[in-house]
Amino acid sequence: MASSSSPQPLASTSGSSHNAVLAPSDPTATPTTATVEGPNFDQEHSLNDLLESYARIGFQASSLGKAIEIVREMRAWRPPPPSTTSDEPEDEPSSSTPEYDPEDRYRPPTDRTTIFLGYTSNLISSGLREILCYLAKHKMISCLVTTAGGIEEDFIKCLGKTYVGEKGFEESGRELRGKGLNRIGNLIVPNSNYCSFEDWVVPILHQMTAEQAAPTNTSWAPSDVIHRLGKEINDESSVYYWCYKNNIPVFCPALTDGSLGDMLYFHSYKTSTPLVIDIVKDIRRLNDMSVKSKRAGMIILGGGVCKHQIANAMLFRNGADYAVYMNTGNEYDGSDSGARTDEAVSWGKIKADAKQVKVYADATLVFPLLVSQTFAKEKWDEARA
């Protein structure tokens, strides 16, 4: 006779076990979004076909797909036509050419989204510099925000080459130091490049110092310094040459944190009158651009100063309408660099109903793909039309 404690047949418990493992699906909870589906390589794919499939692949591929969609939308937005019911007379068009005002470049566009593009200095050191140059050349962005290295490395590349290290990230720091070489990740920059930069920039700093005295009384903000250097470099491979040509403001809150700061330091000992740089002037300009924008979109590559400076400017307009972050940072340490877009919503830096996404990826991998499907694709399509 079987003991009362003997195991019962599986059949007697199969119903409850089955329900515990596979609870019935609620038909009303089934997602209505696109089904997961990767590219079919039995068919030949163009780059465009491949990237259009990213939104359905899942994980960070889908995040990139969403980023592409958001950038397309921020680029396409236009304000509604003005009301025709107003009794106020329209302004008569002026027959004279208005006098150029240097502050014009800090006024946001009135007919489209103001796009604030931020990036860390290492991305100018990388080949993303050429993509940023393309965007500035074709006036596809409204302003740039970066750090000191993101300024100087652009000019330094006009004066000397940056190389891909033969041993990648495993190059010996001791050996490189002995050879007068510097490593940025897996990139190599010779010391001679910085010597060339010093020879080029210090005379310009001398001239700018002279101009701040009477009778000129020129006042320099960091963006004014960058505008002037973009003019002086006169090189079409430079991001900031095109920003100068197209009156695109470049903000650099941490202008002294790099080789440019070293040059300002050396210069301060070579002149009896120091060069005065007014950072308050620029924070007013950047925040005013945000406040006066009809729509505002952020595209931020990396973290740190450039990320927060743009996001904080959005606070003064109750948040950005669009936000795309691309970086590898995680939020577990409470850093702003790793923070997700939703954290910015809590501060009022991104609107609660904004189109927003964070792509967890190295920007050198994904930003070229995003640009190829948005800014560049639109221009190619226009050229073919």
Protein backbone atom coordinates (compact mmCIF):
# COMPACT_ATOMS: atom_id res chain seq x y z
CA MET A 1 0.00 0.00 0.00
CA ALA A 2 1.45 3.38 -1.02
CA SER A 3 2.49 5.81 1.67
CA SER A 4 0.47 9.03 1.98
CA SER A 5 3.75 10.90 1.47
CA SER A 6 4.53 9.17 -1.86
CA PRO A 7 4.94 11.45 -4.91
CA GLN A 8 1.70 12.00 -6.79
CA PRO A 9 1.45 11.36 -10.50
CA LEU A 10 2.41 14.35 -12.67
CA ALA A 11 -1.05 14.36 -14.25
CA SER A 12 -2.66 15.40 -11.00
CA THR A 13 -0.63 18.63 -10.81
CA SER A 14 -0.03 19.35 -14.48
CA GLY A 15 -2.80 21.92 -14.73
CA SER A 16 -1.52 24.22 -12.00
CA SER A 17 2.12 23.73 -13.06
CA HIS A 18 1.30 24.56 -16.65
CA ASN A 19 -0.52 27.71 -15.61
CA ALA A 20 2.38 28.73 -13.38
CA VAL A 21 4.86 28.40 -16.27
CA LEU A 22 2.66 29.63 -19.10
CA ALA A 23 -0.05 31.91 -17.78
CA PRO A 24 -2.71 32.64 -20.41
CA SER A 25 -2.00 35.73 -22.52
CA ASP A 26 -4.36 38.63 -22.18
CA PRO A 27 -5.53 39.27 -25.76
CA THR A 28 -6.02 42.96 -24.97
CA ALA A 29 -2.38 43.28 -23.84
CA THR A 30 -0.82 42.03 -27.09
CA PRO A 31 1.48 44.77 -28.45
CA THR A 32 0.34 46.57 -31.59
CA THR A 33 3.87 47.66 -32.54
CA ALA A 34 5.95 46.15 -35.33
CA THR A 35 6.97 42.53 -34.96
CA VAL A 36 10.62 41.65 -34.48
CA GLU A 37 12.24 40.86 -37.79
CA GLY A 38 15.82 41.06 -38.99
CA PRO A 39 17.11 41.66 -42.52
CA ASN A 40 16.83 38.82 -45.03
CA PHE A 41 20.25 38.42 -46.62
CA ASP A 42 18.92 35.99 -49.19
CA GLN A 43 18.16 39.25 -50.95
CA GLU A 44 20.74 41.89 -51.80
CA HIS A 45 20.50 44.91 -49.49
CA SER A 46 21.53 48.51 -50.01
CA LEU A 47 22.75 50.44 -46.98
CA ASN A 48 19.41 52.21 -46.95
CA ASP A 49 17.48 48.91 -46.92
CA LEU A 50 19.65 47.56 -44.11
CA LEU A 51 19.26 50.61 -41.89
CA GLU A 52 15.52 50.80 -42.50
CA SER A 53 15.32 47.31 -40.96
CA TYR A 54 17.06 48.38 -37.74
CA ALA A 55 13.87 49.56 -36.06
CA ARG A 56 12.56 45.96 -36.09
CA ILE A 57 15.74 44.14 -35.01
CA GLY A 58 15.43 44.99 -31.32
CA PHE A 59 17.82 46.11 -28.57
CA GLN A 60 20.14 48.97 -29.56
CA ALA A 61 19.40 48.49 -33.26
CA SER A 62 15.81 49.51 -32.53
CA SER A 63 17.05 52.45 -30.47
CA LEU A 64 19.09 53.61 -33.46
CA GLY A 65 16.03 53.12 -35.66
CA LYS A 66 14.05 55.34 -33.29
CA ALA A 67 16.83 57.95 -33.26
CA ILE A 68 16.70 58.09 -37.07
CA GLU A 69 12.94 58.58 -36.92
CA ILE A 70 13.26 61.39 -34.34
CA VAL A 71 15.95 63.25 -36.29
CA ARG A 72 13.87 63.02 -39.45
CA GLU A 73 10.93 64.50 -37.57
CA MET A 74 12.93 67.32 -35.99
CA ARG A 75 14.31 68.15 -39.44
CA ALA A 76 10.90 68.08 -41.10
CA TRP A 77 9.00 70.18 -38.56
CA ARG A 78 7.77 73.56 -39.76
CA PRO A 79 5.71 76.12 -37.81
CA PRO A 80 2.03 76.46 -38.74
CA PRO A 81 1.25 79.24 -41.23
CA PRO A 82 0.49 82.60 -39.63
CA SER A 83 -3.15 83.42 -38.98
CA THR A 84 -4.86 85.45 -41.73
CA THR A 85 -7.56 86.78 -39.40
CA SER A 86 -5.41 89.47 -37.79
CA ASP A 87 -6.41 93.08 -38.52
CA GLU A 88 -2.87 94.30 -38.00
CA PRO A 89 -1.15 95.42 -41.20
CA GLU A 90 1.81 93.38 -42.39
CA ASP A 91 5.23 94.95 -42.22
CA GLU A 92 6.38 96.51 -45.47
CA PRO A 93 9.48 94.79 -46.88
CA SER A 94 12.59 96.90 -46.49
CA SER A 95 14.27 98.01 -49.69
CA SER A 96 17.63 98.55 -48.02
CA THR A 97 20.12 95.84 -47.05
CA PRO A 98 20.16 95.53 -43.25
CA GLU A 99 23.47 96.18 -41.54
CA TYR A 100 25.24 93.01 -40.43
CA ASP A 101 24.90 92.35 -36.72
CA PRO A 102 27.36 89.82 -35.22
CA GLU A 103 24.65 88.75 -32.79
CA ASP A 104 22.55 87.48 -35.71
CA ARG A 105 24.30 84.12 -35.57
CA TYR A 106 22.93 83.58 -32.06
CA ARG A 107 19.31 84.01 -33.16
CA PRO A 108 17.49 80.68 -33.65
CA PRO A 109 15.77 79.92 -36.96
CA THR A 110 12.14 80.95 -37.17
CA ASP A 111 11.09 78.47 -39.85
CA ARG A 112 12.36 75.16 -38.48
CA THR A 113 13.62 73.29 -35.43
CA THR A 114 16.69 74.71 -33.72
CA ILE A 115 19.12 71.77 -33.61
CA PHE A 116 21.69 71.83 -30.81
CA LEU A 117 24.50 69.34 -31.56
CA GLY A 118 26.90 68.45 -28.77
CA TYR A 119 29.96 66.18 -28.85
CA THR A 120 32.99 65.33 -26.76
CA SER A 121 36.51 66.23 -27.86
CA ASN A 122 37.57 62.67 -28.73
CA LEU A 123 35.02 62.65 -31.54
CA ILE A 124 36.79 65.54 -33.29
CA SER A 125 39.99 63.52 -32.88
CA SER A 126 38.23 60.64 -34.65
CA GLY A 127 36.89 60.52 -38.19
CA LEU A 128 33.56 61.93 -37.02
CA ARG A 129 35.23 65.31 -37.60
CA GLU A 130 34.54 64.98 -41.32
CA ILE A 131 30.85 64.29 -40.64
CA LEU A 132 30.59 67.29 -38.32
CA CYS A 133 32.31 69.36 -41.01
CA TYR A 134 29.71 68.19 -43.55
CA LEU A 135 26.85 69.24 -41.27
CA ALA A 136 28.39 72.68 -40.71
CA LYS A 137 29.24 73.16 -44.39
CA HIS A 138 25.63 72.57 -45.43
CA LYS A 139 24.10 74.55 -42.51
CA MET A 140 22.27 71.48 -41.21
CA ILE A 141 22.62 72.35 -37.54
CA SER A 142 21.91 75.55 -35.59
CA CYS A 143 24.75 75.51 -33.08
CA LEU A 144 27.52 73.29 -31.72
CA VAL A 145 28.55 72.70 -28.11
CA THR A 146 31.81 70.95 -27.26
CA THR A 147 34.87 71.08 -25.01
CA ALA A 148 38.35 72.56 -25.51
CA GLY A 149 39.74 69.44 -27.16
CA GLY A 150 36.80 69.51 -29.55
CA ILE A 151 38.02 72.95 -30.69
CA GLU A 152 41.78 72.62 -30.81
CA GLU A 153 41.91 69.14 -32.37
CA ASP A 154 40.03 70.45 -35.40
CA PHE A 155 42.66 73.15 -36.01
CA ILE A 156 45.50 70.78 -35.14
CA LYS A 157 44.30 68.40 -37.87
CA CYS A 158 44.65 71.25 -40.35
CA LEU A 159 48.30 71.53 -39.34
CA GLY A 160 49.27 67.85 -38.96
CA LYS A 161 48.00 64.29 -39.22
CA THR A 162 46.39 62.05 -36.61
CA TYR A 163 47.07 58.33 -37.05
CA VAL A 164 45.41 55.03 -36.18
CA GLY A 165 47.72 53.19 -33.77
CA GLU A 166 49.22 49.94 -35.06
CA LYS A 167 48.58 48.18 -31.73
CA GLY A 168 45.19 49.78 -31.17
CA PHE A 169 44.37 50.38 -27.51
CA GLU A 170 47.39 48.29 -26.44
CA GLU A 171 50.07 50.83 -27.35
CA SER A 172 52.58 51.28 -24.52
CA GLY A 173 52.29 54.68 -22.87
CA ARG A 174 55.93 54.52 -21.78
CA GLU A 175 57.15 53.87 -25.33
CA LEU A 176 54.90 56.53 -26.83
CA ARG A 177 56.08 59.12 -24.31
CA GLY A 178 59.68 58.41 -25.23
CA LYS A 179 58.88 58.96 -28.90
CA GLY A 180 56.96 62.21 -28.40
CA LEU A 181 53.64 60.63 -29.32
CA ASN A 182 50.26 60.94 -27.57
CA ARG A 183 47.47 58.36 -27.49
CA ILE A 184 43.76 59.14 -27.72
CA GLY A 185 42.18 55.70 -27.41
CA ASN A 186 43.61 53.89 -30.44
CA LEU A 187 44.63 57.15 -32.18
CA ILE A 188 48.14 58.61 -32.18
CA VAL A 189 48.95 62.34 -32.28
CA PRO A 190 52.59 63.53 -32.58
CA ASN A 191 53.79 66.27 -30.22
CA SER A 192 54.90 68.19 -33.31
CA ASN A 193 51.23 68.82 -34.12
CA TYR A 194 50.81 70.74 -30.87
CA CYS A 195 54.01 72.70 -31.54
CA SER A 196 52.56 73.70 -34.92
CA PHE A 197 49.35 74.68 -33.18
CA GLU A 198 51.26 76.91 -30.76
CA ASP A 199 53.12 78.60 -33.62
CA TRP A 200 49.79 79.27 -35.35
CA VAL A 201 47.54 80.30 -32.48
CA VAL A 202 49.75 82.44 -30.22
CA PRO A 203 50.17 85.31 -32.74
CA ILE A 204 46.37 85.32 -33.15
CA LEU A 205 45.97 85.57 -29.37
CA HIS A 206 48.39 88.54 -29.40
CA GLN A 207 46.30 90.27 -32.05
CA MET A 208 43.05 89.57 -30.17
CA THR A 209 44.58 91.01 -27.00
CA ALA A 210 45.46 94.17 -28.88
CA GLU A 211 41.92 94.43 -30.24
CA GLN A 212 40.34 94.29 -26.78
CA ALA A 213 42.08 97.57 -25.91
CA ALA A 214 41.00 101.06 -26.98
CA PRO A 215 39.88 102.22 -29.48
CA THR A 216 38.40 98.86 -30.57
CA ASN A 217 37.35 97.69 -27.08
CA THR A 218 36.48 94.25 -28.43
CA SER A 219 34.88 91.86 -25.95
CA TRP A 220 35.65 88.17 -26.40
CA ALA A 221 33.38 85.31 -25.35
CA PRO A 222 34.50 81.71 -26.00
CA SER A 223 32.24 81.56 -29.08
CA ASP A 224 33.85 84.79 -30.38
CA VAL A 225 37.30 83.25 -29.95
CA ILE A 226 36.24 80.15 -31.91
CA HIS A 227 34.60 82.29 -34.61
CA ARG A 228 37.86 84.22 -35.00
CA LEU A 229 40.01 81.09 -35.13
CA GLY A 230 37.66 79.61 -37.76
CA LYS A 231 38.25 82.70 -39.86
CA GLU A 232 42.02 82.61 -39.37
CA ILE A 233 42.45 78.90 -40.24
CA ASN A 234 40.95 79.46 -43.72
CA ASP A 235 40.88 75.71 -44.41
CA GLU A 236 37.81 73.96 -45.84
CA SER A 237 38.64 70.74 -43.96
CA SER A 238 37.95 72.56 -40.69
CA VAL A 239 34.62 72.28 -38.90
CA TYR A 240 35.01 75.76 -37.48
CA TYR A 241 35.98 77.34 -40.78
CA TRP A 242 32.51 76.37 -42.03
CA CYS A 243 30.93 77.54 -38.80
CA TYR A 244 32.63 80.91 -39.40
CA LYS A 245 31.52 81.01 -43.05
CA ASN A 246 27.92 80.05 -42.22
CA ASN A 247 27.60 82.01 -38.96
CA ILE A 248 26.96 78.90 -36.87
CA PRO A 249 27.76 79.61 -33.20
CA VAL A 250 30.06 77.22 -31.36
CA PHE A 251 29.87 77.20 -27.56
CA CYS A 252 32.71 75.85 -25.44
CA PRO A 253 32.11 76.36 -21.70
CA ALA A 254 35.41 74.61 -20.84
CA LEU A 255 37.62 76.49 -23.30
CA THR A 256 40.74 76.27 -21.11
CA ASP A 257 40.58 72.49 -20.51
CA GLY A 258 43.06 71.41 -23.17
CA SER A 259 45.90 72.55 -25.40
CA LEU A 260 44.08 75.80 -26.10
CA GLY A 261 44.17 76.46 -22.35
CA ASP A 262 47.91 75.74 -22.42
CA MET A 263 48.33 78.32 -25.18
CA LEU A 264 46.36 80.89 -23.18
CA TYR A 265 48.59 80.11 -20.19
CA PHE A 266 51.81 80.57 -22.20
CA HIS A 267 50.41 83.70 -23.81
CA SER A 268 49.62 85.25 -20.43
CA TYR A 269 53.38 85.30 -19.66
CA LYS A 270 54.27 86.84 -23.01
CA THR A 271 52.12 89.95 -22.69
CA SER A 272 51.60 92.56 -20.02
CA THR A 273 47.86 92.60 -20.72
CA PRO A 274 46.01 89.28 -20.46
CA LEU A 275 43.35 88.19 -22.94
CA VAL A 276 39.99 88.49 -21.18
CA ILE A 277 37.34 85.87 -22.07
CA ASP A 278 33.78 86.49 -20.91
CA ILE A 279 31.93 83.21 -20.22
CA VAL A 280 28.78 84.98 -19.00
CA LYS A 281 28.27 86.46 -22.45
CA ASP A 282 28.05 82.97 -23.93
CA ILE A 283 25.75 81.42 -21.34
CA ARG A 284 23.31 84.23 -22.06
CA ARG A 285 23.60 83.61 -25.80
CA LEU A 286 23.10 79.85 -25.51
CA ASN A 287 20.18 80.08 -23.09
CA ASP A 288 18.55 82.80 -25.19
CA MET A 289 18.82 80.58 -28.28
CA SER A 290 16.95 77.92 -26.37
CA VAL A 291 14.29 80.26 -24.98
CA LYS A 292 13.58 81.87 -28.36
CA SER A 293 13.45 78.61 -30.35
CA LYS A 294 10.04 77.71 -31.77
CA ARG A 295 11.08 74.06 -31.49
CA ALA A 296 14.30 72.71 -30.02
CA GLY A 297 16.06 69.42 -30.67
CA MET A 298 19.14 67.98 -28.98
CA ILE A 299 21.57 65.52 -30.58
CA ILE A 300 24.30 64.76 -28.05
CA LEU A 301 27.26 62.46 -28.69
CA GLY A 302 28.97 61.43 -25.46
CA GLY A 303 28.50 63.03 -22.06
CA GLY A 304 30.07 65.49 -19.69
CA VAL A 305 30.03 69.26 -20.16
CA CYS A 306 28.64 69.34 -23.69
CA LYS A 307 25.71 67.11 -22.74
CA HIS A 308 24.70 69.00 -19.65
CA GLN A 309 25.29 72.47 -21.08
CA ILE A 310 22.73 71.85 -23.84
CA ALA A 311 20.25 70.06 -21.59
CA ASN A 312 20.46 72.81 -18.99
CA ALA A 313 19.76 75.45 -21.65
CA MET A 314 16.57 73.53 -22.49
CA LEU A 315 15.39 74.04 -18.91
CA PHE A 316 14.69 77.72 -19.64
CA ARG A 317 12.12 76.81 -22.30
CA ASN A 318 10.48 74.04 -20.23
CA GLY A 319 12.31 71.29 -22.08
CA ALA A 320 13.46 70.15 -25.50
CA ASP A 321 10.91 68.89 -28.03
CA TYR A 322 13.29 66.22 -29.36
CA ALA A 323 16.27 64.47 -27.76
CA VAL A 324 18.73 61.90 -29.09
CA TYR A 325 21.57 60.72 -26.84
CA MET A 326 24.38 58.49 -28.10
CA ASN A 327 26.87 57.26 -25.51
CA THR A 328 28.09 54.21 -23.62
CA GLY A 329 27.49 55.60 -20.12
CA ASN A 330 25.29 53.87 -17.56
CA GLU A 331 23.23 55.59 -14.89
CA TYR A 332 24.10 53.44 -11.87
CA ASP A 333 26.73 55.91 -10.61
CA GLY A 334 24.38 58.91 -10.81
CA SER A 335 26.52 60.69 -13.41
CA ASP A 336 24.91 63.11 -15.84
CA SER A 337 26.94 61.49 -18.63
CA GLY A 338 25.21 58.16 -18.09
CA ALA A 339 21.76 59.53 -17.33
CA ARG A 340 18.88 58.45 -19.53
CA THR A 341 16.58 60.95 -21.21
CA ASP A 342 13.87 60.29 -18.61
CA GLU A 343 16.08 61.76 -15.89
CA ALA A 344 16.22 65.00 -17.89
CA VAL A 345 12.41 64.94 -18.04
CA SER A 346 12.32 65.05 -14.23
CA TRP A 347 14.35 68.28 -14.33
CA GLY A 348 12.27 69.88 -17.07
CA LYS A 349 15.16 69.69 -19.55
CA ILE A 350 13.19 67.43 -21.90
CA LYS A 351 9.42 67.79 -22.26
CA ALA A 352 7.35 64.90 -20.93
CA ASP A 353 5.77 64.38 -24.37
CA ALA A 354 9.01 64.90 -26.30
CA LYS A 355 10.29 62.39 -28.85
CA GLN A 356 13.33 60.99 -27.05
CA VAL A 357 15.76 58.07 -27.12
CA LYS A 358 19.15 57.07 -25.79
CA VAL A 359 21.28 54.81 -27.97
CA TYR A 360 23.78 52.86 -25.86
CA ALA A 361 26.65 52.69 -28.33
CA ASP A 362 29.97 54.22 -29.32
CA ALA A 363 29.11 57.29 -31.41
CA THR A 364 31.79 56.41 -33.98
CA LEU A 365 29.76 53.29 -34.77
CA VAL A 366 26.26 54.72 -34.93
CA PHE A 367 26.44 58.45 -35.71
CA PRO A 368 27.62 57.90 -39.32
CA LEU A 369 24.65 55.57 -39.80
CA LEU A 370 22.22 58.10 -38.37
CA VAL A 371 23.57 60.91 -40.57
CA SER A 372 23.43 58.71 -43.68
CA GLN A 373 19.72 58.08 -43.07
CA THR A 374 18.75 61.66 -42.16
CA PHE A 375 20.80 64.75 -43.01
CA ALA A 376 22.75 63.20 -45.87
CA LYS A 377 19.86 61.14 -47.29
CA GLU A 378 17.66 64.21 -47.53
CA LYS A 379 20.38 66.06 -49.45
CA TRP A 380 21.00 63.11 -51.77
CA ASP A 381 17.27 62.79 -52.44
CA GLU A 382 17.06 66.51 -53.25
CA ALA A 383 20.00 66.17 -55.66
CA ARG A 384 18.29 63.28 -57.47
CA ALA A 385 14.90 65.04 -57.70
